[in-house]
Amino acid sequence: MNRTRSGKRRALGFAGVVTALTLALATPSVNAMGADGTSTVRSLYDTLLVTMRNGPSLGARGRYAQLQPVVRQVFDIPFMTRLAVGPDWESLNDAQRQQVSQAFEHYIAAVYAERFDSYSGERLHVTGERASAGGTIITSQIVKSTGEPVNINYLMRNNGGIWQIADIYLDGTISELATRRAEFSAILRTSGIAGLIETLNTKAAALTRAS
């Protein structure tokens, strides 16, 4: 009995090492991110695919841990947070700005961890690039396992020589930042910045507790 349990522990430990090595080898290098808008989005998609393929074994917290560092690299979190918070941003002190930006980052990573939880043959690929008044638009598609394509465009911003995501457009038109700004505005009116920070952190925690 003890030998059987010991063997199982060794097998599980070995499986964990293999999974960790697979993730480390398959995850794009941070240095490869941000050279241009296309490489930034491809880095995000490569990481999403790796996370999806290992999703069930990683669990929600493992997927979050895998995605959070990449979210920090590929998204211009301070810029996005400032636009999502809106006019109230100007009245925040440095500590509040840092706290709400960090909470928004946690929330974004948690949402990705919850949505991209397993792999069933989905395809994620960049389809084009075009100039925009606000920077560069990267067009892409996520093709579901059913074959249904979902068009997702990214507004890219050159942040000190690194191209980062500044907004996401679902179906090419629905702005993620505009949606978040409406949500944040309602929370700010009733609960202030402390309420917004708490809401984002609470939602992120709930998403990463899910299986």
N, C-alpha and C. Protein backbone atom coordinates (compact mmCIF):
# COMPACT_ATOMS: atom_id res chain seq x y z
N MET A 1 0.83 -1.21 0.00
CA MET A 1 0.00 0.00 0.00
C MET A 1 0.86 1.26 0.00
N ASN A 2 1.88 1.28 0.89
CA ASN A 2 2.75 2.44 0.96
C ASN A 2 3.52 2.62 -0.33
N ARG A 3 3.96 1.47 -0.92
CA ARG A 3 4.69 1.56 -2.18
C ARG A 3 3.79 2.12 -3.28
N THR A 4 2.53 1.69 -3.26
CA THR A 4 1.59 2.19 -4.27
C THR A 4 1.38 3.69 -4.14
N ARG A 5 1.19 4.16 -2.90
CA ARG A 5 1.01 5.60 -2.68
C ARG A 5 2.25 6.37 -3.06
N SER A 6 3.41 5.81 -2.70
CA SER A 6 4.66 6.49 -3.04
C SER A 6 4.82 6.58 -4.54
N GLY A 7 4.45 5.50 -5.24
CA GLY A 7 4.55 5.51 -6.70
C GLY A 7 3.63 6.53 -7.31
N LYS A 8 2.42 6.65 -6.75
CA LYS A 8 1.47 7.64 -7.26
C LYS A 8 1.99 9.05 -7.04
N ARG A 9 2.58 9.29 -5.85
CA ARG A 9 3.12 10.63 -5.57
C ARG A 9 4.23 10.97 -6.54
N ARG A 10 5.11 9.97 -6.82
CA ARG A 10 6.20 10.22 -7.77
C ARG A 10 5.65 10.51 -9.16
N ALA A 11 4.62 9.75 -9.55
CA ALA A 11 4.03 9.95 -10.87
C ALA A 11 3.40 11.33 -10.99
N LEU A 12 2.67 11.73 -9.93
CA LEU A 12 2.05 13.06 -9.95
C LEU A 12 3.11 14.15 -9.95
N GLY A 13 4.16 13.95 -9.18
CA GLY A 13 5.24 14.93 -9.15
C GLY A 13 5.91 15.06 -10.50
N PHE A 14 6.14 13.92 -11.16
CA PHE A 14 6.76 13.93 -12.49
C PHE A 14 5.85 14.63 -13.49
N ALA A 15 4.54 14.33 -13.40
CA ALA A 15 3.58 14.98 -14.31
C ALA A 15 3.60 16.48 -14.12
N GLY A 16 3.70 16.93 -12.86
CA GLY A 16 3.76 18.37 -12.60
C GLY A 16 4.99 19.01 -13.19
N VAL A 17 6.13 18.30 -13.10
CA VAL A 17 7.37 18.82 -13.67
C VAL A 17 7.26 18.92 -15.18
N VAL A 18 6.67 17.89 -15.81
CA VAL A 18 6.51 17.89 -17.27
C VAL A 18 5.63 19.05 -17.70
N THR A 19 4.51 19.25 -16.98
CA THR A 19 3.61 20.36 -17.31
C THR A 19 4.31 21.70 -17.17
N ALA A 20 5.07 21.88 -16.10
CA ALA A 20 5.79 23.14 -15.88
C ALA A 20 6.81 23.39 -16.98
N LEU A 21 7.53 22.33 -17.38
CA LEU A 21 8.52 22.47 -18.45
C LEU A 21 7.85 22.79 -19.77
N THR A 22 6.71 22.13 -20.04
CA THR A 22 5.98 22.39 -21.28
C THR A 22 5.54 23.84 -21.35
N LEU A 23 5.00 24.35 -20.24
CA LEU A 23 4.55 25.74 -20.20
C LEU A 23 5.71 26.70 -20.38
N ALA A 24 6.82 26.41 -19.72
CA ALA A 24 7.98 27.30 -19.79
C ALA A 24 8.54 27.36 -21.20
N LEU A 25 8.59 26.20 -21.88
CA LEU A 25 9.15 26.15 -23.22
C LEU A 25 8.20 26.75 -24.25
N ALA A 26 6.90 26.59 -24.02
CA ALA A 26 5.93 27.03 -25.02
C ALA A 26 5.54 28.49 -24.87
N THR A 27 5.73 29.06 -23.69
CA THR A 27 5.35 30.45 -23.47
C THR A 27 6.32 31.39 -24.18
N PRO A 28 5.82 32.38 -24.95
CA PRO A 28 6.70 33.28 -25.68
C PRO A 28 7.61 34.06 -24.75
N SER A 29 8.81 34.33 -25.22
CA SER A 29 9.74 35.14 -24.45
C SER A 29 9.24 36.56 -24.33
N VAL A 30 9.37 37.12 -23.15
CA VAL A 30 8.96 38.51 -22.93
C VAL A 30 9.73 39.43 -23.88
N ASN A 31 10.97 39.09 -24.17
CA ASN A 31 11.79 39.92 -25.04
C ASN A 31 11.24 39.97 -26.46
N ALA A 32 10.45 38.93 -26.86
CA ALA A 32 9.89 38.89 -28.21
C ALA A 32 8.64 39.74 -28.32
N MET A 33 8.07 40.12 -27.20
CA MET A 33 6.83 40.89 -27.20
C MET A 33 7.10 42.36 -27.48
N GLY A 34 6.17 42.98 -28.19
CA GLY A 34 6.18 44.42 -28.29
C GLY A 34 7.03 45.02 -29.38
N ALA A 35 7.73 44.18 -30.17
CA ALA A 35 8.55 44.73 -31.25
C ALA A 35 7.68 45.45 -32.26
N ASP A 36 6.48 44.94 -32.49
CA ASP A 36 5.46 45.59 -33.30
C ASP A 36 4.11 45.08 -32.83
N GLY A 37 3.05 45.69 -33.34
CA GLY A 37 1.73 45.32 -32.87
C GLY A 37 1.37 43.87 -33.14
N THR A 38 1.76 43.39 -34.31
CA THR A 38 1.44 42.00 -34.67
C THR A 38 2.11 41.01 -33.73
N SER A 39 3.38 41.23 -33.41
CA SER A 39 4.09 40.30 -32.53
C SER A 39 3.50 40.32 -31.12
N THR A 40 3.01 41.48 -30.69
CA THR A 40 2.38 41.57 -29.36
C THR A 40 1.13 40.70 -29.29
N VAL A 41 0.25 40.83 -30.29
CA VAL A 41 -0.99 40.05 -30.30
C VAL A 41 -0.68 38.57 -30.47
N ARG A 42 0.28 38.24 -31.31
CA ARG A 42 0.65 36.83 -31.49
C ARG A 42 1.20 36.24 -30.19
N SER A 43 1.96 37.03 -29.45
CA SER A 43 2.48 36.56 -28.16
C SER A 43 1.34 36.25 -27.20
N LEU A 44 0.34 37.14 -27.18
CA LEU A 44 -0.84 36.89 -26.34
C LEU A 44 -1.54 35.62 -26.77
N TYR A 45 -1.75 35.45 -28.07
CA TYR A 45 -2.47 34.28 -28.58
C TYR A 45 -1.70 32.98 -28.33
N ASP A 46 -0.38 33.04 -28.51
CA ASP A 46 0.44 31.84 -28.23
C ASP A 46 0.29 31.41 -26.78
N THR A 47 0.31 32.38 -25.88
CA THR A 47 0.17 32.07 -24.46
C THR A 47 -1.23 31.55 -24.15
N LEU A 48 -2.24 32.14 -24.77
CA LEU A 48 -3.61 31.67 -24.56
C LEU A 48 -3.77 30.22 -25.00
N LEU A 49 -3.19 29.87 -26.15
CA LEU A 49 -3.31 28.50 -26.65
C LEU A 49 -2.63 27.51 -25.72
N VAL A 50 -1.44 27.85 -25.24
CA VAL A 50 -0.74 26.98 -24.30
C VAL A 50 -1.57 26.80 -23.03
N THR A 51 -2.11 27.90 -22.54
CA THR A 51 -2.91 27.86 -21.32
C THR A 51 -4.18 27.05 -21.52
N MET A 52 -4.83 27.21 -22.67
CA MET A 52 -6.04 26.45 -22.96
C MET A 52 -5.75 24.96 -23.01
N ARG A 53 -4.67 24.59 -23.66
CA ARG A 53 -4.34 23.16 -23.79
C ARG A 53 -4.05 22.51 -22.44
N ASN A 54 -3.54 23.30 -21.52
CA ASN A 54 -3.24 22.80 -20.17
C ASN A 54 -4.28 23.24 -19.15
N GLY A 55 -5.37 23.85 -19.65
CA GLY A 55 -6.35 24.48 -18.78
C GLY A 55 -6.91 23.62 -17.67
N PRO A 56 -7.42 22.42 -17.98
CA PRO A 56 -8.01 21.60 -16.91
C PRO A 56 -7.02 21.21 -15.82
N SER A 57 -5.78 20.90 -16.22
CA SER A 57 -4.78 20.50 -15.21
C SER A 57 -4.29 21.70 -14.41
N LEU A 58 -4.26 22.87 -15.03
CA LEU A 58 -3.82 24.07 -14.32
C LEU A 58 -4.85 24.55 -13.31
N GLY A 59 -6.12 24.44 -13.67
CA GLY A 59 -7.17 25.02 -12.84
C GLY A 59 -7.20 26.53 -13.01
N ALA A 60 -8.19 27.16 -12.43
CA ALA A 60 -8.37 28.61 -12.60
C ALA A 60 -7.18 29.40 -12.08
N ARG A 61 -6.68 29.03 -10.91
CA ARG A 61 -5.55 29.77 -10.34
C ARG A 61 -4.28 29.57 -11.16
N GLY A 62 -4.08 28.35 -11.65
CA GLY A 62 -2.91 28.08 -12.47
C GLY A 62 -2.96 28.83 -13.79
N ARG A 63 -4.15 28.89 -14.39
CA ARG A 63 -4.30 29.65 -15.63
C ARG A 63 -4.05 31.13 -15.38
N TYR A 64 -4.56 31.63 -14.27
CA TYR A 64 -4.31 33.04 -13.91
C TYR A 64 -2.82 33.29 -13.75
N ALA A 65 -2.13 32.41 -13.04
CA ALA A 65 -0.69 32.58 -12.81
C ALA A 65 0.08 32.56 -14.12
N GLN A 66 -0.40 31.77 -15.08
CA GLN A 66 0.25 31.69 -16.39
C GLN A 66 0.01 32.95 -17.21
N LEU A 67 -1.17 33.52 -17.10
CA LEU A 67 -1.57 34.63 -17.96
C LEU A 67 -1.23 36.01 -17.41
N GLN A 68 -1.22 36.16 -16.10
CA GLN A 68 -1.06 37.48 -15.50
C GLN A 68 0.22 38.20 -15.93
N PRO A 69 1.39 37.53 -15.95
CA PRO A 69 2.60 38.24 -16.39
C PRO A 69 2.52 38.68 -17.85
N VAL A 70 1.85 37.90 -18.68
CA VAL A 70 1.72 38.25 -20.10
C VAL A 70 0.75 39.41 -20.27
N VAL A 71 -0.34 39.41 -19.51
CA VAL A 71 -1.28 40.54 -19.53
C VAL A 71 -0.55 41.83 -19.18
N ARG A 72 0.30 41.77 -18.17
CA ARG A 72 1.06 42.95 -17.76
C ARG A 72 1.96 43.45 -18.89
N GLN A 73 2.51 42.53 -19.67
CA GLN A 73 3.43 42.91 -20.74
C GLN A 73 2.71 43.44 -21.97
N VAL A 74 1.61 42.78 -22.37
CA VAL A 74 1.02 43.11 -23.67
C VAL A 74 -0.02 44.22 -23.60
N PHE A 75 -0.60 44.46 -22.43
CA PHE A 75 -1.59 45.52 -22.29
C PHE A 75 -0.96 46.76 -21.66
N ASP A 76 -1.36 47.94 -22.16
CA ASP A 76 -0.94 49.20 -21.55
C ASP A 76 -1.92 49.50 -20.42
N ILE A 77 -1.72 48.82 -19.30
CA ILE A 77 -2.68 48.87 -18.20
C ILE A 77 -2.90 50.28 -17.65
N PRO A 78 -1.84 51.07 -17.38
CA PRO A 78 -2.09 52.43 -16.86
C PRO A 78 -2.92 53.29 -17.81
N PHE A 79 -2.62 53.20 -19.10
CA PHE A 79 -3.36 53.97 -20.11
C PHE A 79 -4.82 53.54 -20.15
N MET A 80 -5.04 52.22 -20.19
CA MET A 80 -6.40 51.69 -20.25
C MET A 80 -7.20 52.05 -18.99
N THR A 81 -6.53 51.97 -17.84
CA THR A 81 -7.22 52.28 -16.59
C THR A 81 -7.63 53.75 -16.55
N ARG A 82 -6.72 54.62 -16.99
CA ARG A 82 -7.02 56.06 -16.99
C ARG A 82 -8.24 56.36 -17.86
N LEU A 83 -8.31 55.75 -19.04
CA LEU A 83 -9.45 55.99 -19.92
C LEU A 83 -10.73 55.37 -19.37
N ALA A 84 -10.62 54.19 -18.76
CA ALA A 84 -11.80 53.52 -18.22
C ALA A 84 -12.36 54.26 -17.01
N VAL A 85 -11.48 54.81 -16.18
CA VAL A 85 -11.93 55.56 -15.00
C VAL A 85 -12.54 56.90 -15.42
N GLY A 86 -11.98 57.50 -16.48
CA GLY A 86 -12.55 58.75 -16.98
C GLY A 86 -12.12 59.97 -16.19
N PRO A 87 -12.96 61.01 -16.12
CA PRO A 87 -12.59 62.27 -15.46
C PRO A 87 -12.16 62.12 -14.01
N ASP A 88 -12.66 61.10 -13.33
CA ASP A 88 -12.30 60.90 -11.92
C ASP A 88 -10.81 60.63 -11.73
N TRP A 89 -10.15 60.20 -12.80
CA TRP A 89 -8.72 59.90 -12.72
C TRP A 89 -7.92 61.10 -12.23
N GLU A 90 -8.30 62.29 -12.68
CA GLU A 90 -7.54 63.50 -12.35
C GLU A 90 -7.54 63.80 -10.86
N SER A 91 -8.55 63.35 -10.14
CA SER A 91 -8.65 63.64 -8.71
C SER A 91 -7.99 62.56 -7.85
N LEU A 92 -7.46 61.51 -8.47
CA LEU A 92 -6.84 60.42 -7.71
C LEU A 92 -5.39 60.75 -7.37
N ASN A 93 -4.94 60.32 -6.20
CA ASN A 93 -3.52 60.46 -5.88
C ASN A 93 -2.75 59.28 -6.47
N ASP A 94 -1.44 59.33 -6.37
CA ASP A 94 -0.60 58.30 -7.00
C ASP A 94 -0.91 56.90 -6.47
N ALA A 95 -1.13 56.79 -5.17
CA ALA A 95 -1.41 55.49 -4.57
C ALA A 95 -2.72 54.91 -5.11
N GLN A 96 -3.73 55.76 -5.24
CA GLN A 96 -5.02 55.30 -5.75
C GLN A 96 -4.92 54.88 -7.21
N ARG A 97 -4.15 55.65 -7.99
CA ARG A 97 -3.96 55.28 -9.40
C ARG A 97 -3.27 53.93 -9.52
N GLN A 98 -2.28 53.71 -8.70
CA GLN A 98 -1.56 52.44 -8.73
C GLN A 98 -2.48 51.28 -8.30
N GLN A 99 -3.26 51.51 -7.27
CA GLN A 99 -4.15 50.46 -6.75
C GLN A 99 -5.23 50.08 -7.75
N VAL A 100 -5.84 51.08 -8.39
CA VAL A 100 -6.91 50.76 -9.33
C VAL A 100 -6.33 50.15 -10.61
N SER A 101 -5.14 50.58 -11.03
CA SER A 101 -4.50 49.97 -12.19
C SER A 101 -4.16 48.51 -11.92
N GLN A 102 -3.65 48.25 -10.73
CA GLN A 102 -3.30 46.88 -10.35
C GLN A 102 -4.55 46.00 -10.26
N ALA A 103 -5.63 46.55 -9.72
CA ALA A 103 -6.88 45.80 -9.62
C ALA A 103 -7.44 45.50 -11.01
N PHE A 104 -7.34 46.46 -11.93
CA PHE A 104 -7.82 46.26 -13.30
C PHE A 104 -6.98 45.18 -13.99
N GLU A 105 -5.68 45.20 -13.77
CA GLU A 105 -4.79 44.17 -14.33
C GLU A 105 -5.19 42.78 -13.83
N HIS A 106 -5.41 42.66 -12.52
CA HIS A 106 -5.83 41.38 -11.94
C HIS A 106 -7.14 40.92 -12.57
N TYR A 107 -8.06 41.86 -12.75
CA TYR A 107 -9.37 41.52 -13.30
C TYR A 107 -9.24 41.03 -14.75
N ILE A 108 -8.46 41.73 -15.56
CA ILE A 108 -8.28 41.32 -16.96
C ILE A 108 -7.70 39.91 -17.03
N ALA A 109 -6.65 39.66 -16.26
CA ALA A 109 -6.02 38.33 -16.26
C ALA A 109 -7.00 37.26 -15.80
N ALA A 110 -7.81 37.57 -14.80
CA ALA A 110 -8.79 36.61 -14.28
C ALA A 110 -9.87 36.31 -15.31
N VAL A 111 -10.30 37.33 -16.04
CA VAL A 111 -11.30 37.13 -17.09
C VAL A 111 -10.76 36.20 -18.18
N TYR A 112 -9.52 36.44 -18.61
CA TYR A 112 -8.91 35.57 -19.61
C TYR A 112 -8.78 34.14 -19.08
N ALA A 113 -8.38 34.00 -17.82
CA ALA A 113 -8.23 32.67 -17.22
C ALA A 113 -9.56 31.93 -17.17
N GLU A 114 -10.64 32.67 -16.98
CA GLU A 114 -11.97 32.05 -16.91
C GLU A 114 -12.50 31.71 -18.29
N ARG A 115 -12.27 32.58 -19.26
CA ARG A 115 -12.83 32.38 -20.60
C ARG A 115 -12.05 31.34 -21.41
N PHE A 116 -10.75 31.32 -21.26
CA PHE A 116 -9.91 30.41 -22.04
C PHE A 116 -9.46 29.25 -21.15
N ASP A 117 -10.42 28.43 -20.77
CA ASP A 117 -10.15 27.41 -19.75
C ASP A 117 -9.83 26.03 -20.30
N SER A 118 -10.06 25.80 -21.59
CA SER A 118 -9.79 24.49 -22.17
C SER A 118 -9.66 24.63 -23.68
N TYR A 119 -9.21 23.57 -24.32
CA TYR A 119 -8.95 23.61 -25.76
C TYR A 119 -9.78 22.54 -26.46
N SER A 120 -10.49 22.96 -27.52
CA SER A 120 -11.31 22.03 -28.30
C SER A 120 -11.10 22.24 -29.80
N GLY A 121 -9.86 22.62 -30.15
CA GLY A 121 -9.55 22.83 -31.56
C GLY A 121 -9.70 24.26 -32.03
N GLU A 122 -9.85 25.20 -31.10
CA GLU A 122 -9.97 26.61 -31.48
C GLU A 122 -8.69 27.09 -32.17
N ARG A 123 -8.87 28.08 -33.05
CA ARG A 123 -7.72 28.69 -33.72
C ARG A 123 -7.73 30.20 -33.46
N LEU A 124 -6.57 30.73 -33.12
CA LEU A 124 -6.41 32.15 -32.86
C LEU A 124 -5.32 32.67 -33.80
N HIS A 125 -5.67 33.62 -34.64
CA HIS A 125 -4.65 34.10 -35.57
C HIS A 125 -4.86 35.55 -35.96
N VAL A 126 -3.76 36.22 -36.26
CA VAL A 126 -3.77 37.60 -36.73
C VAL A 126 -4.08 37.60 -38.22
N THR A 127 -4.96 38.51 -38.65
CA THR A 127 -5.36 38.55 -40.05
C THR A 127 -4.89 39.79 -40.80
N GLY A 128 -4.45 40.82 -40.08
CA GLY A 128 -4.01 42.02 -40.78
C GLY A 128 -3.59 43.14 -39.85
N GLU A 129 -3.18 44.23 -40.46
CA GLU A 129 -2.72 45.41 -39.71
C GLU A 129 -3.00 46.65 -40.54
N ARG A 130 -3.46 47.70 -39.88
CA ARG A 130 -3.69 48.96 -40.60
C ARG A 130 -3.45 50.13 -39.67
N ALA A 131 -3.13 51.27 -40.27
CA ALA A 131 -2.88 52.48 -39.50
C ALA A 131 -4.20 53.02 -38.96
N SER A 132 -4.11 53.66 -37.80
CA SER A 132 -5.28 54.27 -37.17
C SER A 132 -4.85 55.59 -36.56
N ALA A 133 -5.82 56.49 -36.38
CA ALA A 133 -5.51 57.80 -35.80
C ALA A 133 -4.94 57.65 -34.40
N GLY A 134 -5.37 56.61 -33.68
CA GLY A 134 -4.91 56.42 -32.31
C GLY A 134 -3.71 55.52 -32.19
N GLY A 135 -3.21 55.01 -33.30
CA GLY A 135 -2.06 54.10 -33.28
C GLY A 135 -2.11 53.14 -34.44
N THR A 136 -2.17 51.85 -34.16
CA THR A 136 -2.26 50.81 -35.18
C THR A 136 -3.35 49.83 -34.78
N ILE A 137 -4.14 49.40 -35.77
CA ILE A 137 -5.16 48.39 -35.53
C ILE A 137 -4.65 47.04 -36.03
N ILE A 138 -4.67 46.05 -35.16
CA ILE A 138 -4.36 44.68 -35.54
C ILE A 138 -5.67 43.92 -35.60
N THR A 139 -5.97 43.35 -36.77
CA THR A 139 -7.19 42.57 -36.92
C THR A 139 -6.88 41.10 -36.69
N SER A 140 -7.84 40.39 -36.09
CA SER A 140 -7.60 38.98 -35.79
C SER A 140 -8.93 38.23 -35.76
N GLN A 141 -8.81 36.92 -35.74
CA GLN A 141 -9.98 36.06 -35.59
C GLN A 141 -9.71 34.97 -34.57
N ILE A 142 -10.72 34.69 -33.79
CA ILE A 142 -10.72 33.49 -32.96
C ILE A 142 -11.79 32.58 -33.56
N VAL A 143 -11.35 31.45 -34.08
CA VAL A 143 -12.27 30.50 -34.71
C VAL A 143 -12.65 29.45 -33.68
N LYS A 144 -13.93 29.38 -33.36
CA LYS A 144 -14.41 28.42 -32.36
C LYS A 144 -14.30 27.00 -32.89
N SER A 145 -14.46 26.03 -32.00
CA SER A 145 -14.39 24.62 -32.40
C SER A 145 -15.49 24.26 -33.39
N THR A 146 -16.57 25.05 -33.41
CA THR A 146 -17.67 24.83 -34.36
C THR A 146 -17.35 25.38 -35.74
N GLY A 147 -16.26 26.14 -35.85
CA GLY A 147 -15.90 26.77 -37.10
C GLY A 147 -16.38 28.21 -37.21
N GLU A 148 -17.13 28.66 -36.22
CA GLU A 148 -17.63 30.04 -36.23
C GLU A 148 -16.52 31.02 -35.90
N PRO A 149 -16.26 32.00 -36.79
CA PRO A 149 -15.21 32.99 -36.52
C PRO A 149 -15.72 34.16 -35.69
N VAL A 150 -14.89 34.64 -34.79
CA VAL A 150 -15.19 35.84 -34.02
C VAL A 150 -14.10 36.86 -34.34
N ASN A 151 -14.48 38.00 -34.88
CA ASN A 151 -13.52 39.03 -35.24
C ASN A 151 -13.18 39.88 -34.02
N ILE A 152 -11.90 39.97 -33.72
CA ILE A 152 -11.44 40.79 -32.60
C ILE A 152 -10.30 41.68 -33.09
N ASN A 153 -10.48 42.98 -32.96
CA ASN A 153 -9.45 43.94 -33.36
C ASN A 153 -8.81 44.55 -32.12
N TYR A 154 -7.54 44.89 -32.26
CA TYR A 154 -6.79 45.48 -31.15
C TYR A 154 -6.23 46.83 -31.56
N LEU A 155 -6.49 47.84 -30.75
CA LEU A 155 -5.83 49.13 -30.93
C LEU A 155 -4.50 49.07 -30.21
N MET A 156 -3.42 49.27 -30.96
CA MET A 156 -2.07 49.18 -30.40
C MET A 156 -1.50 50.57 -30.21
N ARG A 157 -0.76 50.73 -29.13
CA ARG A 157 -0.15 52.01 -28.79
C ARG A 157 1.34 51.81 -28.55
N ASN A 158 2.14 52.69 -29.16
CA ASN A 158 3.59 52.62 -28.96
C ASN A 158 3.93 53.30 -27.65
N ASN A 159 4.29 52.50 -26.66
CA ASN A 159 4.58 52.99 -25.32
C ASN A 159 6.08 52.89 -25.07
N GLY A 160 6.80 53.97 -25.39
CA GLY A 160 8.25 53.97 -25.18
C GLY A 160 8.98 52.95 -26.02
N GLY A 161 8.51 52.73 -27.24
CA GLY A 161 9.15 51.78 -28.14
C GLY A 161 8.59 50.37 -28.06
N ILE A 162 7.65 50.13 -27.15
CA ILE A 162 7.02 48.82 -27.01
C ILE A 162 5.55 48.95 -27.40
N TRP A 163 5.12 48.12 -28.34
CA TRP A 163 3.73 48.17 -28.79
C TRP A 163 2.86 47.35 -27.85
N GLN A 164 1.88 48.02 -27.25
CA GLN A 164 0.99 47.37 -26.30
C GLN A 164 -0.47 47.59 -26.70
N ILE A 165 -1.32 46.71 -26.22
CA ILE A 165 -2.76 46.80 -26.49
C ILE A 165 -3.36 47.92 -25.65
N ALA A 166 -4.10 48.82 -26.34
CA ALA A 166 -4.74 49.95 -25.65
C ALA A 166 -6.26 49.81 -25.61
N ASP A 167 -6.82 48.98 -26.50
CA ASP A 167 -8.26 48.72 -26.49
C ASP A 167 -8.52 47.48 -27.32
N ILE A 168 -9.67 46.86 -27.07
CA ILE A 168 -10.09 45.67 -27.80
C ILE A 168 -11.47 45.94 -28.38
N TYR A 169 -11.67 45.54 -29.65
CA TYR A 169 -12.96 45.74 -30.31
C TYR A 169 -13.55 44.39 -30.70
N LEU A 170 -14.57 43.97 -29.99
CA LEU A 170 -15.26 42.73 -30.30
C LEU A 170 -16.11 42.93 -31.55
N ASP A 171 -16.04 41.96 -32.46
CA ASP A 171 -16.72 42.06 -33.76
C ASP A 171 -16.25 43.29 -34.53
N GLY A 172 -15.07 43.78 -34.17
CA GLY A 172 -14.47 44.89 -34.88
C GLY A 172 -15.00 46.26 -34.51
N THR A 173 -16.04 46.32 -33.65
CA THR A 173 -16.67 47.62 -33.39
C THR A 173 -16.93 47.91 -31.91
N ILE A 174 -17.16 46.89 -31.09
CA ILE A 174 -17.57 47.11 -29.70
C ILE A 174 -16.33 47.31 -28.83
N SER A 175 -16.13 48.53 -28.35
CA SER A 175 -14.94 48.88 -27.58
C SER A 175 -15.02 48.33 -26.16
N GLU A 176 -14.01 47.57 -25.78
CA GLU A 176 -13.93 47.05 -24.42
C GLU A 176 -13.80 48.19 -23.42
N LEU A 177 -13.00 49.20 -23.76
CA LEU A 177 -12.81 50.32 -22.84
C LEU A 177 -14.09 51.12 -22.64
N ALA A 178 -14.86 51.29 -23.72
CA ALA A 178 -16.12 52.02 -23.59
C ALA A 178 -17.08 51.26 -22.68
N THR A 179 -17.10 49.94 -22.81
CA THR A 179 -17.95 49.12 -21.95
C THR A 179 -17.52 49.23 -20.49
N ARG A 180 -16.21 49.13 -20.26
CA ARG A 180 -15.70 49.22 -18.88
C ARG A 180 -15.92 50.61 -18.30
N ARG A 181 -15.79 51.62 -19.14
CA ARG A 181 -15.97 52.99 -18.64
C ARG A 181 -17.40 53.20 -18.13
N ALA A 182 -18.36 52.64 -18.84
CA ALA A 182 -19.75 52.75 -18.40
C ALA A 182 -19.95 52.02 -17.07
N GLU A 183 -19.35 50.83 -16.95
CA GLU A 183 -19.46 50.07 -15.70
C GLU A 183 -18.77 50.80 -14.55
N PHE A 184 -17.56 51.28 -14.81
CA PHE A 184 -16.79 51.96 -13.77
C PHE A 184 -17.49 53.23 -13.31
N SER A 185 -18.08 53.96 -14.26
CA SER A 185 -18.75 55.22 -13.93
C SER A 185 -19.87 54.99 -12.92
N ALA A 186 -20.63 53.92 -13.13
CA ALA A 186 -21.74 53.62 -12.21
C ALA A 186 -21.22 53.29 -10.82
N ILE A 187 -20.13 52.53 -10.74
CA ILE A 187 -19.56 52.17 -9.44
C ILE A 187 -18.96 53.40 -8.76
N LEU A 188 -18.27 54.24 -9.53
CA LEU A 188 -17.65 55.43 -8.97
C LEU A 188 -18.69 56.39 -8.39
N ARG A 189 -19.85 56.48 -9.05
CA ARG A 189 -20.91 57.38 -8.57
C ARG A 189 -21.43 56.94 -7.21
N THR A 190 -21.52 55.65 -6.99
CA THR A 190 -22.13 55.15 -5.76
C THR A 190 -21.12 54.80 -4.66
N SER A 191 -19.90 54.36 -5.08
CA SER A 191 -18.96 53.82 -4.09
C SER A 191 -17.58 54.46 -4.12
N GLY A 192 -17.33 55.36 -5.09
CA GLY A 192 -16.03 56.01 -5.16
C GLY A 192 -14.93 55.07 -5.63
N ILE A 193 -13.71 55.58 -5.60
CA ILE A 193 -12.58 54.81 -6.11
C ILE A 193 -12.32 53.57 -5.25
N ALA A 194 -12.52 53.69 -3.94
CA ALA A 194 -12.32 52.53 -3.05
C ALA A 194 -13.28 51.40 -3.42
N GLY A 195 -14.52 51.78 -3.75
CA GLY A 195 -15.50 50.78 -4.15
C GLY A 195 -15.15 50.11 -5.46
N LEU A 196 -14.60 50.90 -6.41
CA LEU A 196 -14.19 50.33 -7.70
C LEU A 196 -13.04 49.34 -7.51
N ILE A 197 -12.05 49.73 -6.72
CA ILE A 197 -10.91 48.85 -6.46
C ILE A 197 -11.38 47.55 -5.81
N GLU A 198 -12.25 47.68 -4.83
CA GLU A 198 -12.77 46.49 -4.13
C GLU A 198 -13.56 45.60 -5.09
N THR A 199 -14.38 46.21 -5.94
CA THR A 199 -15.19 45.45 -6.89
C THR A 199 -14.32 44.66 -7.85
N LEU A 200 -13.30 45.30 -8.40
CA LEU A 200 -12.41 44.62 -9.35
C LEU A 200 -11.67 43.47 -8.69
N ASN A 201 -11.15 43.71 -7.50
CA ASN A 201 -10.42 42.66 -6.78
C ASN A 201 -11.33 41.50 -6.39
N THR A 202 -12.55 41.83 -5.98
CA THR A 202 -13.51 40.79 -5.60
C THR A 202 -13.90 39.93 -6.80
N LYS A 203 -14.14 40.58 -7.94
CA LYS A 203 -14.50 39.84 -9.15
C LYS A 203 -13.34 38.96 -9.61
N ALA A 204 -12.12 39.49 -9.55
CA ALA A 204 -10.94 38.71 -9.94
C ALA A 204 -10.78 37.49 -9.04
N ALA A 205 -10.97 37.69 -7.74
CA ALA A 205 -10.85 36.58 -6.79
C ALA A 205 -11.90 35.51 -7.05
N ALA A 206 -13.13 35.94 -7.36
CA ALA A 206 -14.20 34.98 -7.62
C ALA A 206 -13.92 34.17 -8.88
N LEU A 207 -13.39 34.82 -9.91
CA LEU A 207 -13.09 34.12 -11.16
C LEU A 207 -11.97 33.11 -11.00
N THR A 208 -10.98 33.44 -10.18
CA THR A 208 -9.85 32.53 -10.00
C THR A 208 -10.13 31.44 -8.98
N ARG A 209 -11.23 31.55 -8.26
CA ARG A 209 -11.64 30.46 -7.36
C ARG A 209 -12.40 29.39 -8.12
N ALA A 210 -12.95 29.78 -9.28
CA ALA A 210 -13.74 28.82 -10.06
C ALA A 210 -12.83 27.73 -10.61
N SER A 211 -13.41 26.58 -10.87
CA SER A 211 -12.62 25.45 -11.39
C SER A 211 -12.41 25.59 -12.88
